[in-house]
Amino acid sequence: MAELADARDSKSRPGNRVRVQLPLRALNLKNFMAEIILNEKNFSEEVFQSDKPVLVDFWSEYCPPCQLISPIIEKIAEDFQGKIKVGKLNVDQNPLIASSFMIEAIPTLLFFKNRKVVEKIVGLVSYEVIKEKIEEILKTEEEE
């Protein structure tokens, strides 16, 4: 059991504290972000120097399809953890990187392998479509 000691009981006097016990499963570590937040400072290291294939989600906070694909990308990051890296790059905050890859529409998913873009998906797609692309990339990596 994990304890949270700072919870306050609204019925008791100010300063009185109650202990809240949560089962450890409520603190599921999978709820922590599996994706890497990319920016101009870490892009080269995380993508170009990676020993694993990398999926980069080019997105914007103001893009409804980007918001819809976000939970799919999170699930991909969890399901393929250790096999690929998954990064998210906000195009509004990092326009130079987005323009260097000629990102004209979002969401755009770029798949990198050995410092090169090997696949590209533009627009909202299903988990299955992304999973198939990743499995193809991993399969070709095993054959090399």
C-alpha atoms as a PDB file:
ATOM      1  CA  MET A   1       0.000   0.000   0.000  1.00  0.00           C
ATOM      2  CA  ALA A   2       1.133   3.508  -0.743  1.00  0.00           C
ATOM      3  CA  GLU A   3       0.234   6.352   1.577  1.00  0.00           C
ATOM      4  CA  LEU A   4      -0.576   9.910   0.648  1.00  0.00           C
ATOM      5  CA  ALA A   5      -0.192  11.901   3.849  1.00  0.00           C
ATOM      6  CA  ASP A   6      -1.129  15.377   2.597  1.00  0.00           C
ATOM      7  CA  ALA A   7      -4.793  14.713   1.881  1.00  0.00           C
ATOM      8  CA  ARG A   8      -6.979  17.035   3.974  1.00  0.00           C
ATOM      9  CA  ASP A   9     -10.262  16.089   5.554  1.00  0.00           C
ATOM     10  CA  SER A  10     -12.699  18.888   4.638  1.00  0.00           C
ATOM     11  CA  LYS A  11     -14.930  18.139   7.669  1.00  0.00           C
ATOM     12  CA  SER A  12     -12.170  18.446  10.226  1.00  0.00           C
ATOM     13  CA  ARG A  13     -10.441  21.559  11.417  1.00  0.00           C
ATOM     14  CA  PRO A  14      -7.767  23.135   9.201  1.00  0.00           C
ATOM     15  CA  GLY A  15      -4.463  21.479   9.770  1.00  0.00           C
ATOM     16  CA  ASN A  16      -5.920  18.065  10.568  1.00  0.00           C
ATOM     17  CA  ARG A  17      -4.699  15.495   8.123  1.00  0.00           C
ATOM     18  CA  VAL A  18      -5.977  12.124   7.108  1.00  0.00           C
ATOM     19  CA  ARG A  19      -3.980   9.296   5.643  1.00  0.00           C
ATOM     20  CA  VAL A  20      -5.178   7.903   2.343  1.00  0.00           C
ATOM     21  CA  GLN A  21      -3.994   4.447   1.430  1.00  0.00           C
ATOM     22  CA  LEU A  22      -4.011   3.357  -2.184  1.00  0.00           C
ATOM     23  CA  PRO A  23      -3.229  -0.099  -3.448  1.00  0.00           C
ATOM     24  CA  LEU A  24       0.051  -0.073  -5.391  1.00  0.00           C
ATOM     25  CA  ARG A  25      -1.795  -1.006  -8.567  1.00  0.00           C
ATOM     26  CA  ALA A  26      -3.454   2.442  -8.426  1.00  0.00           C
ATOM     27  CA  LEU A  27       0.012   3.916  -8.900  1.00  0.00           C
ATOM     28  CA  ASN A  28       0.445   2.075 -12.191  1.00  0.00           C
ATOM     29  CA  LEU A  29       3.842   2.997 -13.637  1.00  0.00           C
ATOM     30  CA  LYS A  30       2.470   2.571 -17.145  1.00  0.00           C
ATOM     31  CA  ASN A  31       0.553   5.806 -16.567  1.00  0.00           C
ATOM     32  CA  PHE A  32       3.837   7.692 -16.788  1.00  0.00           C
ATOM     33  CA  MET A  33       4.713   8.955 -20.220  1.00  0.00           C
ATOM     34  CA  ALA A  34       6.563   6.438 -22.383  1.00  0.00           C
ATOM     35  CA  GLU A  35       7.119   8.974 -25.173  1.00  0.00           C
ATOM     36  CA  ILE A  36      10.071  11.320 -25.309  1.00  0.00           C
ATOM     37  CA  ILE A  37       9.298  15.021 -25.678  1.00  0.00           C
ATOM     38  CA  LEU A  38      11.510  16.158 -28.545  1.00  0.00           C
ATOM     39  CA  ASN A  39      12.826  19.652 -29.169  1.00  0.00           C
ATOM     40  CA  GLU A  40      15.714  21.399 -30.888  1.00  0.00           C
ATOM     41  CA  LYS A  41      18.075  20.547 -28.029  1.00  0.00           C
ATOM     42  CA  ASN A  42      17.551  16.783 -27.920  1.00  0.00           C
ATOM     43  CA  PHE A  43      16.270  15.843 -31.385  1.00  0.00           C
ATOM     44  CA  SER A  44      19.638  14.867 -32.846  1.00  0.00           C
ATOM     45  CA  GLU A  45      20.651  12.784 -29.851  1.00  0.00           C
ATOM     46  CA  GLU A  46      17.300  11.027 -29.401  1.00  0.00           C
ATOM     47  CA  VAL A  47      16.593  10.385 -33.090  1.00  0.00           C
ATOM     48  CA  PHE A  48      19.826  10.359 -35.078  1.00  0.00           C
ATOM     49  CA  GLN A  49      21.979   8.725 -32.413  1.00  0.00           C
ATOM     50  CA  SER A  50      19.431   6.098 -31.435  1.00  0.00           C
ATOM     51  CA  ASP A  51      20.379   2.439 -31.700  1.00  0.00           C
ATOM     52  CA  LYS A  52      16.677   1.616 -32.152  1.00  0.00           C
ATOM     53  CA  PRO A  53      14.145   2.702 -34.766  1.00  0.00           C
ATOM     54  CA  VAL A  54      12.361   5.933 -33.786  1.00  0.00           C
ATOM     55  CA  LEU A  55       8.778   7.029 -34.396  1.00  0.00           C
ATOM     56  CA  VAL A  56       8.324  10.803 -34.244  1.00  0.00           C
ATOM     57  CA  ASP A  57       4.836  12.284 -33.960  1.00  0.00           C
ATOM     58  CA  PHE A  58       4.779  15.828 -35.351  1.00  0.00           C
ATOM     59  CA  TRP A  59       1.786  17.496 -33.711  1.00  0.00           C
ATOM     60  CA  SER A  60       0.249  20.730 -32.473  1.00  0.00           C
ATOM     61  CA  GLU A  61      -1.851  21.556 -29.460  1.00  0.00           C
ATOM     62  CA  TYR A  62      -4.453  23.214 -31.715  1.00  0.00           C
ATOM     63  CA  CYS A  63      -4.889  20.250 -34.066  1.00  0.00           C
ATOM     64  CA  PRO A  64      -7.982  18.089 -33.340  1.00  0.00           C
ATOM     65  CA  PRO A  65      -6.674  15.043 -35.280  1.00  0.00           C
ATOM     66  CA  CYS A  66      -3.418  15.330 -33.295  1.00  0.00           C
ATOM     67  CA  GLN A  67      -5.399  15.133 -30.076  1.00  0.00           C
ATOM     68  CA  LEU A  68      -7.231  12.058 -31.363  1.00  0.00           C
ATOM     69  CA  ILE A  69      -4.049  10.216 -32.356  1.00  0.00           C
ATOM     70  CA  SER A  70      -2.247  11.050 -29.107  1.00  0.00           C
ATOM     71  CA  PRO A  71      -3.670   8.120 -27.069  1.00  0.00           C
ATOM     72  CA  ILE A  72      -2.823   5.794 -29.963  1.00  0.00           C
ATOM     73  CA  ILE A  73       0.787   7.014 -29.910  1.00  0.00           C
ATOM     74  CA  GLU A  74       0.881   6.522 -26.126  1.00  0.00           C
ATOM     75  CA  LYS A  75      -0.330   2.932 -26.546  1.00  0.00           C
ATOM     76  CA  ILE A  76       2.268   2.297 -29.266  1.00  0.00           C
ATOM     77  CA  ALA A  77       4.994   3.638 -26.947  1.00  0.00           C
ATOM     78  CA  GLU A  78       3.864   1.301 -24.173  1.00  0.00           C
ATOM     79  CA  ASP A  79       3.431  -1.759 -26.406  1.00  0.00           C
ATOM     80  CA  PHE A  80       6.779  -1.373 -28.193  1.00  0.00           C
ATOM     81  CA  GLN A  81       8.815  -0.098 -25.245  1.00  0.00           C
ATOM     82  CA  GLY A  82      12.375  -1.392 -25.504  1.00  0.00           C
ATOM     83  CA  LYS A  83      11.999  -2.167 -29.227  1.00  0.00           C
ATOM     84  CA  ILE A  84      11.564   1.364 -30.591  1.00  0.00           C
ATOM     85  CA  LYS A  85      11.710   4.915 -29.308  1.00  0.00           C
ATOM     86  CA  VAL A  86       8.623   7.073 -29.599  1.00  0.00           C
ATOM     87  CA  GLY A  87       8.954  10.839 -29.581  1.00  0.00           C
ATOM     88  CA  LYS A  88       6.564  13.750 -29.847  1.00  0.00           C
ATOM     89  CA  LEU A  89       7.584  17.026 -31.433  1.00  0.00           C
ATOM     90  CA  ASN A  90       5.356  20.088 -31.126  1.00  0.00           C
ATOM     91  CA  VAL A  91       5.627  21.858 -34.494  1.00  0.00           C
ATOM     92  CA  ASP A  92       4.593  25.234 -33.039  1.00  0.00           C
ATOM     93  CA  GLN A  93       7.455  25.170 -30.551  1.00  0.00           C
ATOM     94  CA  ASN A  94       9.991  23.616 -32.966  1.00  0.00           C
ATOM     95  CA  PRO A  95       9.273  25.042 -36.439  1.00  0.00           C
ATOM     96  CA  LEU A  96      12.838  24.630 -37.728  1.00  0.00           C
ATOM     97  CA  ILE A  97      12.819  20.869 -37.230  1.00  0.00           C
ATOM     98  CA  ALA A  98       9.333  20.555 -38.727  1.00  0.00           C
ATOM     99  CA  SER A  99      10.314  22.578 -41.791  1.00  0.00           C
ATOM    100  CA  SER A 100      13.556  20.634 -42.234  1.00  0.00           C
ATOM    101  CA  PHE A 101      11.447  17.491 -42.721  1.00  0.00           C
ATOM    102  CA  MET A 102       8.933  19.368 -44.889  1.00  0.00           C
ATOM    103  CA  ILE A 103       6.042  18.771 -42.497  1.00  0.00           C
ATOM    104  CA  GLU A 104       3.102  20.407 -44.256  1.00  0.00           C
ATOM    105  CA  ALA A 105       0.202  18.700 -42.482  1.00  0.00           C
ATOM    106  CA  ILE A 106      -0.273  17.325 -39.013  1.00  0.00           C
ATOM    107  CA  PRO A 107      -0.340  14.878 -37.504  1.00  0.00           C
ATOM    108  CA  THR A 108       2.608  13.444 -39.400  1.00  0.00           C
ATOM    109  CA  LEU A 109       4.423  10.347 -38.208  1.00  0.00           C
ATOM    110  CA  LEU A 110       7.981   9.833 -39.391  1.00  0.00           C
ATOM    111  CA  PHE A 111       9.740   6.538 -38.832  1.00  0.00           C
ATOM    112  CA  PHE A 112      13.530   6.805 -38.560  1.00  0.00           C
ATOM    113  CA  LYS A 113      16.020   4.004 -38.863  1.00  0.00           C
ATOM    114  CA  ASN A 114      19.791   4.435 -39.120  1.00  0.00           C
ATOM    115  CA  ARG A 115      19.433   8.250 -39.213  1.00  0.00           C
ATOM    116  CA  LYS A 116      17.050   8.140 -42.195  1.00  0.00           C
ATOM    117  CA  VAL A 117      13.318   8.500 -42.660  1.00  0.00           C
ATOM    118  CA  VAL A 118      12.096   5.074 -43.786  1.00  0.00           C
ATOM    119  CA  GLU A 119       8.310   5.567 -43.552  1.00  0.00           C
ATOM    120  CA  LYS A 120       5.853   8.431 -43.341  1.00  0.00           C
ATOM    121  CA  ILE A 121       2.182   8.589 -42.371  1.00  0.00           C
ATOM    122  CA  VAL A 122       0.180  11.797 -42.691  1.00  0.00           C
ATOM    123  CA  GLY A 123      -3.146  12.224 -40.945  1.00  0.00           C
ATOM    124  CA  LEU A 124      -5.177  10.340 -38.412  1.00  0.00           C
ATOM    125  CA  VAL A 125      -4.746   6.565 -38.680  1.00  0.00           C
ATOM    126  CA  SER A 126      -5.600   3.584 -36.508  1.00  0.00           C
ATOM    127  CA  TYR A 127      -3.395   1.752 -34.038  1.00  0.00           C
ATOM    128  CA  GLU A 128      -3.271  -1.199 -36.427  1.00  0.00           C
ATOM    129  CA  VAL A 129      -1.821   0.865 -39.296  1.00  0.00           C
ATOM    130  CA  ILE A 130       0.974   2.217 -37.106  1.00  0.00           C
ATOM    131  CA  LYS A 131       1.611  -1.201 -35.562  1.00  0.00           C
ATOM    132  CA  GLU A 132       1.972  -2.794 -39.026  1.00  0.00           C
ATOM    133  CA  LYS A 133       4.529  -0.160 -40.089  1.00  0.00           C
ATOM    134  CA  ILE A 134       6.551  -0.705 -36.919  1.00  0.00           C
ATOM    135  CA  GLU A 135       6.472  -4.475 -37.309  1.00  0.00           C
ATOM    136  CA  GLU A 136       7.696  -4.126 -40.928  1.00  0.00           C
ATOM    137  CA  ILE A 137      10.561  -1.904 -39.776  1.00  0.00           C
ATOM    138  CA  LEU A 138      11.490  -4.272 -36.959  1.00  0.00           C
ATOM    139  CA  LYS A 139      11.342  -7.234 -39.310  1.00  0.00           C
ATOM    140  CA  THR A 140      13.724  -5.625 -41.783  1.00  0.00           C
ATOM    141  CA  GLU A 141      16.027  -4.749 -38.885  1.00  0.00           C
ATOM    142  CA  GLU A 142      16.175  -8.413 -37.843  1.00  0.00           C
ATOM    143  CA  GLU A 143      17.017  -9.445 -41.422  1.00  0.00           C
ATOM    144  CA  GLU A 144      19.965  -7.052 -41.620  1.00  0.00           C
END
